[in-house]
């Protein structure tokens, strides 16, 4: 198995895994249970999505697309909504 994605969160890992499986690429979330051992601290670089070595080229295209969508979603979530935070009261 080869790592094709290092996840920021367990949810991200499963989104990538599901996208790979929809593309008929077998995928596995490695380190999924290690996050519980960390406790209240944020766990980073413990969770990875892996695929068989032969599937790496096909998986990389899917991973790039999903990673771009996740980045867009994070950017959108970080932007304050219009008329809320930082806006003077009328």
PDB file of N, CA and C in Angstrom:
ATOM      1  N   UNK A   1       0.855  -1.183   0.000  1.00  0.00           N
ATOM      2  CA  UNK A   1       0.000   0.000   0.000  1.00  0.00           C
ATOM      3  C   UNK A   1       0.896   1.239   0.000  1.00  0.00           C
ATOM      4  N   UNK A   2       0.441   2.248  -0.738  1.00  0.00           N
ATOM      5  CA  UNK A   2       1.177   3.511  -0.833  1.00  0.00           C
ATOM      6  C   UNK A   2       0.290   4.648  -0.342  1.00  0.00           C
ATOM      7  N   UNK A   3       0.890   5.564   0.388  1.00  0.00           N
ATOM      8  CA  UNK A   3       0.155   6.726   0.879  1.00  0.00           C
ATOM      9  C   UNK A   3      -0.033   7.721  -0.253  1.00  0.00           C
ATOM     10  N   UNK A   4      -1.282   8.128  -0.465  1.00  0.00           N
ATOM     11  CA  UNK A   4      -1.581   9.124  -1.490  1.00  0.00           C
ATOM     12  C   UNK A   4      -2.123  10.419  -0.889  1.00  0.00           C
ATOM     13  N   UNK A   5      -2.446  10.389   0.420  1.00  0.00           N
ATOM     14  CA  UNK A   5      -3.006  11.587   1.056  1.00  0.00           C
ATOM     15  C   UNK A   5      -2.738  11.547   2.555  1.00  0.00           C
ATOM     16  N   UNK A   6      -2.144  12.621   3.074  1.00  0.00           N
ATOM     17  CA  UNK A   6      -2.002  12.807   4.526  1.00  0.00           C
ATOM     18  C   UNK A   6      -3.118  13.746   4.952  1.00  0.00           C
ATOM     19  N   UNK A   7      -3.981  13.260   5.810  1.00  0.00           N
ATOM     20  CA  UNK A   7      -5.182  14.005   6.171  1.00  0.00           C
ATOM     21  C   UNK A   7      -4.961  14.921   7.361  1.00  0.00           C
ATOM     22  N   UNK A   8      -5.617  16.091   7.302  1.00  0.00           N
ATOM     23  CA  UNK A   8      -5.631  16.989   8.458  1.00  0.00           C
ATOM     24  C   UNK A   8      -6.561  16.462   9.534  1.00  0.00           C
ATOM     25  N   UNK A   9      -7.667  15.871   9.096  1.00  0.00           N
ATOM     26  CA  UNK A   9      -8.648  15.324  10.033  1.00  0.00           C
ATOM     27  C   UNK A   9      -9.096  13.948   9.561  1.00  0.00           C
ATOM     28  N   UNK A  10      -9.696  13.227  10.449  1.00  0.00           N
ATOM     29  CA  UNK A  10     -10.236  11.916  10.117  1.00  0.00           C
ATOM     30  C   UNK A  10     -11.362  12.046   9.091  1.00  0.00           C
ATOM     31  N   UNK A  11     -12.133  13.106   9.197  1.00  0.00           N
ATOM     32  CA  UNK A  11     -13.224  13.335   8.241  1.00  0.00           C
ATOM     33  C   UNK A  11     -12.663  13.528   6.840  1.00  0.00           C
ATOM     34  N   UNK A  12     -11.601  14.323   6.713  1.00  0.00           N
ATOM     35  CA  UNK A  12     -10.961  14.517   5.409  1.00  0.00           C
ATOM     36  C   UNK A  12     -10.503  13.188   4.826  1.00  0.00           C
ATOM     37  N   UNK A  13      -9.908  12.359   5.665  1.00  0.00           N
ATOM     38  CA  UNK A  13      -9.417  11.066   5.201  1.00  0.00           C
ATOM     39  C   UNK A  13     -10.554  10.225   4.633  1.00  0.00           C
ATOM     40  N   UNK A  14     -11.684  10.225   5.309  1.00  0.00           N
ATOM     41  CA  UNK A  14     -12.803   9.418   4.830  1.00  0.00           C
ATOM     42  C   UNK A  14     -13.442  10.019   3.584  1.00  0.00           C
ATOM     43  N   UNK A  15     -13.434  11.338   3.453  1.00  0.00           N
ATOM     44  CA  UNK A  15     -13.933  11.947   2.216  1.00  0.00           C
ATOM     45  C   UNK A  15     -13.074  11.519   1.030  1.00  0.00           C
ATOM     46  N   UNK A  16     -11.765  11.534   1.211  1.00  0.00           N
ATOM     47  CA  UNK A  16     -10.856  11.109   0.145  1.00  0.00           C
ATOM     48  C   UNK A  16     -11.034   9.620  -0.143  1.00  0.00           C
ATOM     49  N   UNK A  17     -11.106   8.810   0.898  1.00  0.00           N
ATOM     50  CA  UNK A  17     -11.290   7.362   0.721  1.00  0.00           C
ATOM     51  C   UNK A  17     -12.578   7.079  -0.045  1.00  0.00           C
ATOM     52  N   UNK A  18     -13.659   7.744   0.323  1.00  0.00           N
ATOM     53  CA  UNK A  18     -14.934   7.533  -0.358  1.00  0.00           C
ATOM     54  C   UNK A  18     -14.856   7.945  -1.825  1.00  0.00           C
ATOM     55  N   UNK A  19     -14.192   9.069  -2.117  1.00  0.00           N
ATOM     56  CA  UNK A  19     -14.039   9.508  -3.505  1.00  0.00           C
ATOM     57  C   UNK A  19     -13.232   8.496  -4.308  1.00  0.00           C
ATOM     58  N   UNK A  20     -12.184   7.950  -3.705  1.00  0.00           N
ATOM     59  CA  UNK A  20     -11.389   6.935  -4.389  1.00  0.00           C
ATOM     60  C   UNK A  20     -12.217   5.683  -4.660  1.00  0.00           C
ATOM     61  N   UNK A  21     -12.989   5.259  -3.692  1.00  0.00           N
ATOM     62  CA  UNK A  21     -13.811   4.066  -3.874  1.00  0.00           C
ATOM     63  C   UNK A  21     -14.897   4.285  -4.922  1.00  0.00           C
ATOM     64  N   UNK A  22     -15.441   5.507  -5.012  1.00  0.00           N
ATOM     65  CA  UNK A  22     -16.410   5.812  -6.068  1.00  0.00           C
ATOM     66  C   UNK A  22     -15.754   5.727  -7.443  1.00  0.00           C
ATOM     67  N   UNK A  23     -14.450   6.008  -7.498  1.00  0.00           N
ATOM     68  CA  UNK A  23     -13.692   5.885  -8.747  1.00  0.00           C
ATOM     69  C   UNK A  23     -13.177   4.458  -8.945  1.00  0.00           C
ATOM     70  N   UNK A  24     -13.674   3.533  -8.135  1.00  0.00           N
ATOM     71  CA  UNK A  24     -13.318   2.113  -8.192  1.00  0.00           C
ATOM     72  C   UNK A  24     -11.835   1.860  -7.915  1.00  0.00           C
ATOM     73  N   UNK A  25     -11.288   2.671  -7.010  1.00  0.00           N
ATOM     74  CA  UNK A  25      -9.911   2.500  -6.541  1.00  0.00           C
ATOM     75  C   UNK A  25      -9.986   2.057  -5.088  1.00  0.00           C
ATOM     76  N   UNK A  26      -9.491   0.860  -4.763  1.00  0.00           N
ATOM     77  CA  UNK A  26      -9.546   0.424  -3.369  1.00  0.00           C
ATOM     78  C   UNK A  26      -8.677   1.325  -2.490  1.00  0.00           C
ATOM     79  N   UNK A  27      -9.209   1.708  -1.341  1.00  0.00           N
ATOM     80  CA  UNK A  27      -8.491   2.635  -0.459  1.00  0.00           C
ATOM     81  C   UNK A  27      -8.646   2.200   0.989  1.00  0.00           C
ATOM     82  N   UNK A  28      -7.684   2.612   1.802  1.00  0.00           N
ATOM     83  CA  UNK A  28      -7.638   2.250   3.217  1.00  0.00           C
ATOM     84  C   UNK A  28      -7.200   3.472   4.014  1.00  0.00           C
ATOM     85  N   UNK A  29      -7.858   3.732   5.136  1.00  0.00           N
ATOM     86  CA  UNK A  29      -7.456   4.819   6.027  1.00  0.00           C
ATOM     87  C   UNK A  29      -6.526   4.225   7.079  1.00  0.00           C
ATOM     88  N   UNK A  30      -5.263   4.610   7.017  1.00  0.00           N
ATOM     89  CA  UNK A  30      -4.259   4.128   7.961  1.00  0.00           C
ATOM     90  C   UNK A  30      -4.138   5.116   9.118  1.00  0.00           C
ATOM     91  N   UNK A  31      -3.980   4.599  10.315  1.00  0.00           N
ATOM     92  CA  UNK A  31      -3.807   5.448  11.489  1.00  0.00           C
ATOM     93  C   UNK A  31      -5.094   5.994  12.057  1.00  0.00           C
ATOM     94  N   UNK A  32      -6.195   5.486  11.591  1.00  0.00           N
ATOM     95  CA  UNK A  32      -7.503   5.981  12.024  1.00  0.00           C
ATOM     96  C   UNK A  32      -7.682   5.908  13.538  1.00  0.00           C
ATOM     97  N   UNK A  33      -7.185   4.875  14.146  1.00  0.00           N
ATOM     98  CA  UNK A  33      -7.401   4.683  15.573  1.00  0.00           C
ATOM     99  C   UNK A  33      -6.305   5.301  16.432  1.00  0.00           C
ATOM    100  N   UNK A  34      -5.257   5.814  15.820  1.00  0.00           N
ATOM    101  CA  UNK A  34      -4.195   6.468  16.579  1.00  0.00           C
ATOM    102  C   UNK A  34      -4.636   7.813  17.148  1.00  0.00           C
ATOM    103  N   UNK A  35      -5.613   8.447  16.505  1.00  0.00           N
ATOM    104  CA  UNK A  35      -6.049   9.764  16.965  1.00  0.00           C
ATOM    105  C   UNK A  35      -6.643   9.705  18.366  1.00  0.00           C
ATOM    106  N   UNK A  36      -7.239   8.596  18.751  1.00  0.00           N
ATOM    107  CA  UNK A  36      -7.804   8.460  20.091  1.00  0.00           C
ATOM    108  C   UNK A  36      -6.741   8.417  21.167  1.00  0.00           C
ATOM    109  N   UNK A  37      -5.538   7.998  20.824  1.00  0.00           N
ATOM    110  CA  UNK A  37      -4.457   7.933  21.786  1.00  0.00           C
ATOM    111  C   UNK A  37      -3.848   9.283  22.106  1.00  0.00           C
ATOM    112  N   UNK A  38      -4.148  10.274  21.314  1.00  0.00           N
ATOM    113  CA  UNK A  38      -3.568  11.595  21.511  1.00  0.00           C
ATOM    114  C   UNK A  38      -4.327  12.367  22.587  1.00  0.00           C
ATOM    115  N   UNK A  39      -5.579  12.052  22.781  1.00  0.00           N
ATOM    116  CA  UNK A  39      -6.368  12.736  23.797  1.00  0.00           C
ATOM    117  C   UNK A  39      -6.948  14.030  23.280  1.00  0.00           C
ATOM    118  N   UNK A  40      -6.859  15.085  24.077  1.00  0.00           N
ATOM    119  CA  UNK A  40      -7.459  16.365  23.727  1.00  0.00           C
ATOM    120  C   UNK A  40      -6.608  17.196  22.777  1.00  0.00           C
ATOM    121  N   UNK A  41      -5.388  16.802  22.534  1.00  0.00           N
ATOM    122  CA  UNK A  41      -4.519  17.550  21.632  1.00  0.00           C
ATOM    123  C   UNK A  41      -4.864  17.228  20.188  1.00  0.00           C
ATOM    124  N   UNK A  42      -4.716  18.190  19.282  1.00  0.00           N
ATOM    125  CA  UNK A  42      -5.004  17.900  17.876  1.00  0.00           C
ATOM    126  C   UNK A  42      -3.966  16.927  17.314  1.00  0.00           C
ATOM    127  N   UNK A  43      -4.435  15.918  16.646  1.00  0.00           N
ATOM    128  CA  UNK A  43      -3.540  14.917  16.052  1.00  0.00           C
ATOM    129  C   UNK A  43      -3.331  15.272  14.591  1.00  0.00           C
ATOM    130  N   UNK A  44      -2.089  15.412  14.192  1.00  0.00           N
ATOM    131  CA  UNK A  44      -1.774  15.734  12.808  1.00  0.00           C
ATOM    132  C   UNK A  44      -0.774  14.718  12.291  1.00  0.00           C
ATOM    133  N   UNK A  45      -0.887  14.439  11.024  1.00  0.00           N
ATOM    134  CA  UNK A  45       0.023  13.530  10.328  1.00  0.00           C
ATOM    135  C   UNK A  45      -0.021  12.101  10.859  1.00  0.00           C
ATOM    136  N   UNK A  46      -1.104  11.742  11.513  1.00  0.00           N
ATOM    137  CA  UNK A  46      -1.271  10.363  11.956  1.00  0.00           C
ATOM    138  C   UNK A  46      -2.126   9.577  10.962  1.00  0.00           C
ATOM    139  N   UNK A  47      -3.019  10.281  10.274  1.00  0.00           N
ATOM    140  CA  UNK A  47      -4.007   9.629   9.431  1.00  0.00           C
ATOM    141  C   UNK A  47      -3.633   9.815   7.963  1.00  0.00           C
ATOM    142  N   UNK A  48      -3.599   8.706   7.232  1.00  0.00           N
ATOM    143  CA  UNK A  48      -3.249   8.747   5.812  1.00  0.00           C
ATOM    144  C   UNK A  48      -4.195   7.837   5.036  1.00  0.00           C
ATOM    145  N   UNK A  49      -4.390   8.187   3.781  1.00  0.00           N
ATOM    146  CA  UNK A  49      -5.170   7.331   2.884  1.00  0.00           C
ATOM    147  C   UNK A  49      -4.177   6.605   1.991  1.00  0.00           C
ATOM    148  N   UNK A  50      -4.341   5.295   1.931  1.00  0.00           N
ATOM    149  CA  UNK A  50      -3.423   4.467   1.155  1.00  0.00           C
ATOM    150  C   UNK A  50      -4.182   3.678   0.099  1.00  0.00           C
ATOM    151  N   UNK A  51      -3.475   3.414  -0.997  1.00  0.00           N
ATOM    152  CA  UNK A  51      -4.027   2.610  -2.091  1.00  0.00           C
ATOM    153  C   UNK A  51      -2.961   1.598  -2.525  1.00  0.00           C
ATOM    154  N   UNK A  52      -3.357   0.561  -3.260  1.00  0.00           N
ATOM    155  CA  UNK A  52      -2.353  -0.367  -3.794  1.00  0.00           C
ATOM    156  C   UNK A  52      -1.392   0.381  -4.733  1.00  0.00           C
ATOM    157  N   UNK A  53      -0.159  -0.073  -4.790  1.00  0.00           N
ATOM    158  CA  UNK A  53       0.866   0.603  -5.598  1.00  0.00           C
ATOM    159  C   UNK A  53       0.434   0.779  -7.052  1.00  0.00           C
ATOM    160  N   UNK A  54      -0.230  -0.195  -7.615  1.00  0.00           N
ATOM    161  CA  UNK A  54      -0.659  -0.116  -9.011  1.00  0.00           C
ATOM    162  C   UNK A  54      -1.714   0.960  -9.251  1.00  0.00           C
ATOM    163  N   UNK A  55      -2.409   1.374  -8.205  1.00  0.00           N
ATOM    164  CA  UNK A  55      -3.486   2.359  -8.342  1.00  0.00           C
ATOM    165  C   UNK A  55      -3.040   3.789  -8.073  1.00  0.00           C
ATOM    166  N   UNK A  56      -1.764   3.986  -7.730  1.00  0.00           N
ATOM    167  CA  UNK A  56      -1.286   5.322  -7.347  1.00  0.00           C
ATOM    168  C   UNK A  56      -1.525   6.373  -8.429  1.00  0.00           C
ATOM    169  N   UNK A  57      -1.170   6.140  -9.694  1.00  0.00           N
ATOM    170  CA  UNK A  57      -1.386   7.186 -10.702  1.00  0.00           C
ATOM    171  C   UNK A  57      -2.852   7.617 -10.822  1.00  0.00           C
ATOM    172  N   UNK A  58      -3.763   6.677 -10.854  1.00  0.00           N
ATOM    173  CA  UNK A  58      -5.186   7.008 -10.944  1.00  0.00           C
ATOM    174  C   UNK A  58      -5.663   7.701  -9.672  1.00  0.00           C
ATOM    175  N   UNK A  59      -5.163   7.255  -8.532  1.00  0.00           N
ATOM    176  CA  UNK A  59      -5.585   7.833  -7.250  1.00  0.00           C
ATOM    177  C   UNK A  59      -5.118   9.276  -7.110  1.00  0.00           C
ATOM    178  N   UNK A  60      -3.959   9.595  -7.623  1.00  0.00           N
ATOM    179  CA  UNK A  60      -3.420  10.948  -7.472  1.00  0.00           C
ATOM    180  C   UNK A  60      -4.333  11.988  -8.109  1.00  0.00           C
ATOM    181  N   UNK A  61      -4.925  11.679  -9.252  1.00  0.00           N
ATOM    182  CA  UNK A  61      -5.841  12.621  -9.899  1.00  0.00           C
ATOM    183  C   UNK A  61      -7.068  12.869  -9.035  1.00  0.00           C
ATOM    184  N   UNK A  62      -7.623  11.817  -8.461  1.00  0.00           N
ATOM    185  CA  UNK A  62      -8.801  11.945  -7.597  1.00  0.00           C
ATOM    186  C   UNK A  62      -8.434  12.737  -6.342  1.00  0.00           C
ATOM    187  N   UNK A  63      -7.291  12.430  -5.760  1.00  0.00           N
ATOM    188  CA  UNK A  63      -6.856  13.106  -4.530  1.00  0.00           C
ATOM    189  C   UNK A  63      -6.644  14.593  -4.784  1.00  0.00           C
ATOM    190  N   UNK A  64      -6.039  14.963  -5.913  1.00  0.00           N
ATOM    191  CA  UNK A  64      -5.836  16.383  -6.229  1.00  0.00           C
ATOM    192  C   UNK A  64      -7.163  17.132  -6.267  1.00  0.00           C
ATOM    193  N   UNK A  65      -8.157  16.525  -6.901  1.00  0.00           N
ATOM    194  CA  UNK A  65      -9.473  17.166  -7.014  1.00  0.00           C
ATOM    195  C   UNK A  65     -10.119  17.342  -5.641  1.00  0.00           C
ATOM    196  N   UNK A  66     -10.112  16.301  -4.839  1.00  0.00           N
ATOM    197  CA  UNK A  66     -10.738  16.377  -3.513  1.00  0.00           C
ATOM    198  C   UNK A  66      -9.964  17.331  -2.611  1.00  0.00           C
ATOM    199  N   UNK A  67      -8.651  17.303  -2.657  1.00  0.00           N
ATOM    200  CA  UNK A  67      -7.840  18.219  -1.843  1.00  0.00           C
ATOM    201  C   UNK A  67      -8.123  19.666  -2.210  1.00  0.00           C
ATOM    202  N   UNK A  68      -8.309  19.942  -3.492  1.00  0.00           N
ATOM    203  CA  UNK A  68      -8.635  21.309  -3.923  1.00  0.00           C
ATOM    204  C   UNK A  68     -10.004  21.729  -3.393  1.00  0.00           C
ATOM    205  N   UNK A  69     -10.958  20.828  -3.442  1.00  0.00           N
ATOM    206  CA  UNK A  69     -12.301  21.145  -2.915  1.00  0.00           C
ATOM    207  C   UNK A  69     -12.266  21.369  -1.405  1.00  0.00           C
ATOM    208  N   UNK A  70     -11.496  20.557  -0.690  1.00  0.00           N
ATOM    209  CA  UNK A  70     -11.379  20.745   0.755  1.00  0.00           C
ATOM    210  C   UNK A  70     -10.719  22.087   1.076  1.00  0.00           C
ATOM    211  N   UNK A  71      -9.708  22.466   0.311  1.00  0.00           N
ATOM    212  CA  UNK A  71      -9.039  23.755   0.518  1.00  0.00           C
ATOM    213  C   UNK A  71     -10.007  24.908   0.268  1.00  0.00           C
ATOM    214  N   UNK A  72     -10.821  24.804  -0.781  1.00  0.00           N
ATOM    215  CA  UNK A  72     -11.817  25.839  -1.067  1.00  0.00           C
ATOM    216  C   UNK A  72     -12.835  25.942   0.064  1.00  0.00           C
ATOM    217  N   UNK A  73     -13.263  24.809   0.579  1.00  0.00           N
ATOM    218  CA  UNK A  73     -14.245  24.805   1.667  1.00  0.00           C
ATOM    219  C   UNK A  73     -13.653  25.436   2.926  1.00  0.00           C
ATOM    220  N   UNK A  74     -12.377  25.172   3.203  1.00  0.00           N
ATOM    221  CA  UNK A  74     -11.731  25.774   4.385  1.00  0.00           C
ATOM    222  C   UNK A  74     -11.611  27.293   4.217  1.00  0.00           C
ATOM    223  N   UNK A  75     -11.251  27.734   3.020  1.00  0.00           N
ATOM    224  CA  UNK A  75     -11.143  29.167   2.764  1.00  0.00           C
ATOM    225  C   UNK A  75     -12.502  29.847   2.919  1.00  0.00           C
ATOM    226  N   UNK A  76     -13.530  29.233   2.376  1.00  0.00           N
ATOM    227  CA  UNK A  76     -14.876  29.805   2.484  1.00  0.00           C
ATOM    228  C   UNK A  76     -15.335  29.859   3.937  1.00  0.00           C
ATOM    229  N   UNK A  77     -14.996  28.844   4.712  1.00  0.00           N
ATOM    230  CA  UNK A  77     -15.391  28.822   6.123  1.00  0.00           C
ATOM    231  C   UNK A  77     -14.622  29.863   6.937  1.00  0.00           C
ATOM    232  N   UNK A  78     -13.425  30.210   6.498  1.00  0.00           N
ATOM    233  CA  UNK A  78     -12.603  31.165   7.233  1.00  0.00           C
ATOM    234  C   UNK A  78     -13.018  32.611   6.968  1.00  0.00           C
ATOM    235  N   UNK A  79     -13.699  32.857   5.852  1.00  0.00           N
ATOM    236  CA  UNK A  79     -14.132  34.213   5.519  1.00  0.00           C
ATOM    237  C   UNK A  79     -15.354  34.572   6.357  1.00  0.00           C
ATOM    238  N   UNK A  80     -15.365  35.792   6.935  1.00  0.00           N
ATOM    239  CA  UNK A  80     -16.551  36.196   7.697  1.00  0.00           C
ATOM    240  C   UNK A  80     -17.721  36.417   6.764  1.00  0.00           C
ATOM    241  N   UNK A  81     -18.898  36.079   7.232  1.00  0.00           N
ATOM    242  CA  UNK A  81     -20.106  36.288   6.448  1.00  0.00           C
ATOM    243  C   UNK A  81     -20.395  37.779   6.350  1.00  0.00           C
ATOM    244  N   UNK A  82     -20.975  38.207   5.244  1.00  0.00           N
ATOM    245  CA  UNK A  82     -21.278  39.626   5.030  1.00  0.00           C
ATOM    246  C   UNK A  82     -22.221  40.137   6.128  1.00  0.00           C
ATOM    247  N   UNK A  83     -21.877  41.307   6.657  1.00  0.00           N
ATOM    248  CA  UNK A  83     -22.733  41.943   7.640  1.00  0.00           C
ATOM    249  C   UNK A  83     -22.607  41.385   9.034  1.00  0.00           C
ATOM    250  N   UNK A  84     -21.683  40.495   9.286  1.00  0.00           N
ATOM    251  CA  UNK A  84     -21.555  39.942  10.624  1.00  0.00           C
ATOM    252  C   UNK A  84     -20.269  40.429  11.267  1.00  0.00           C
ATOM    253  N   UNK A  85     -19.313  39.577  11.451  1.00  0.00           N
ATOM    254  CA  UNK A  85     -18.084  39.882  12.166  1.00  0.00           C
ATOM    255  C   UNK A  85     -17.350  41.064  11.537  1.00  0.00           C
ATOM    256  N   UNK A  86     -16.941  41.994  12.370  1.00  0.00           N
ATOM    257  CA  UNK A  86     -16.153  43.113  11.910  1.00  0.00           C
ATOM    258  C   UNK A  86     -16.937  44.244  11.289  1.00  0.00           C
ATOM    259  N   UNK A  87     -18.250  44.125  11.204  1.00  0.00           N
ATOM    260  CA  UNK A  87     -19.059  45.159  10.605  1.00  0.00           C
ATOM    261  C   UNK A  87     -19.614  46.081  11.693  1.00  0.00           C
ATOM    262  N   UNK A  88     -19.532  47.386  11.471  1.00  0.00           N
ATOM    263  CA  UNK A  88     -20.080  48.299  12.492  1.00  0.00           C
ATOM    264  C   UNK A  88     -21.594  48.196  12.570  1.00  0.00           C
ATOM    265  N   UNK A  89     -22.109  48.348  13.758  1.00  0.00           N
ATOM    266  CA  UNK A  89     -23.554  48.316  13.952  1.00  0.00           C
ATOM    267  C   UNK A  89     -24.164  49.606  13.446  1.00  0.00           C
ATOM    268  N   UNK A  90     -25.342  49.521  12.816  1.00  0.00           N
ATOM    269  CA  UNK A  90     -26.005  50.713  12.279  1.00  0.00           C
ATOM    270  C   UNK A  90     -26.914  51.333  13.300  1.00  0.00           C
TER     271      UNK A  90
END
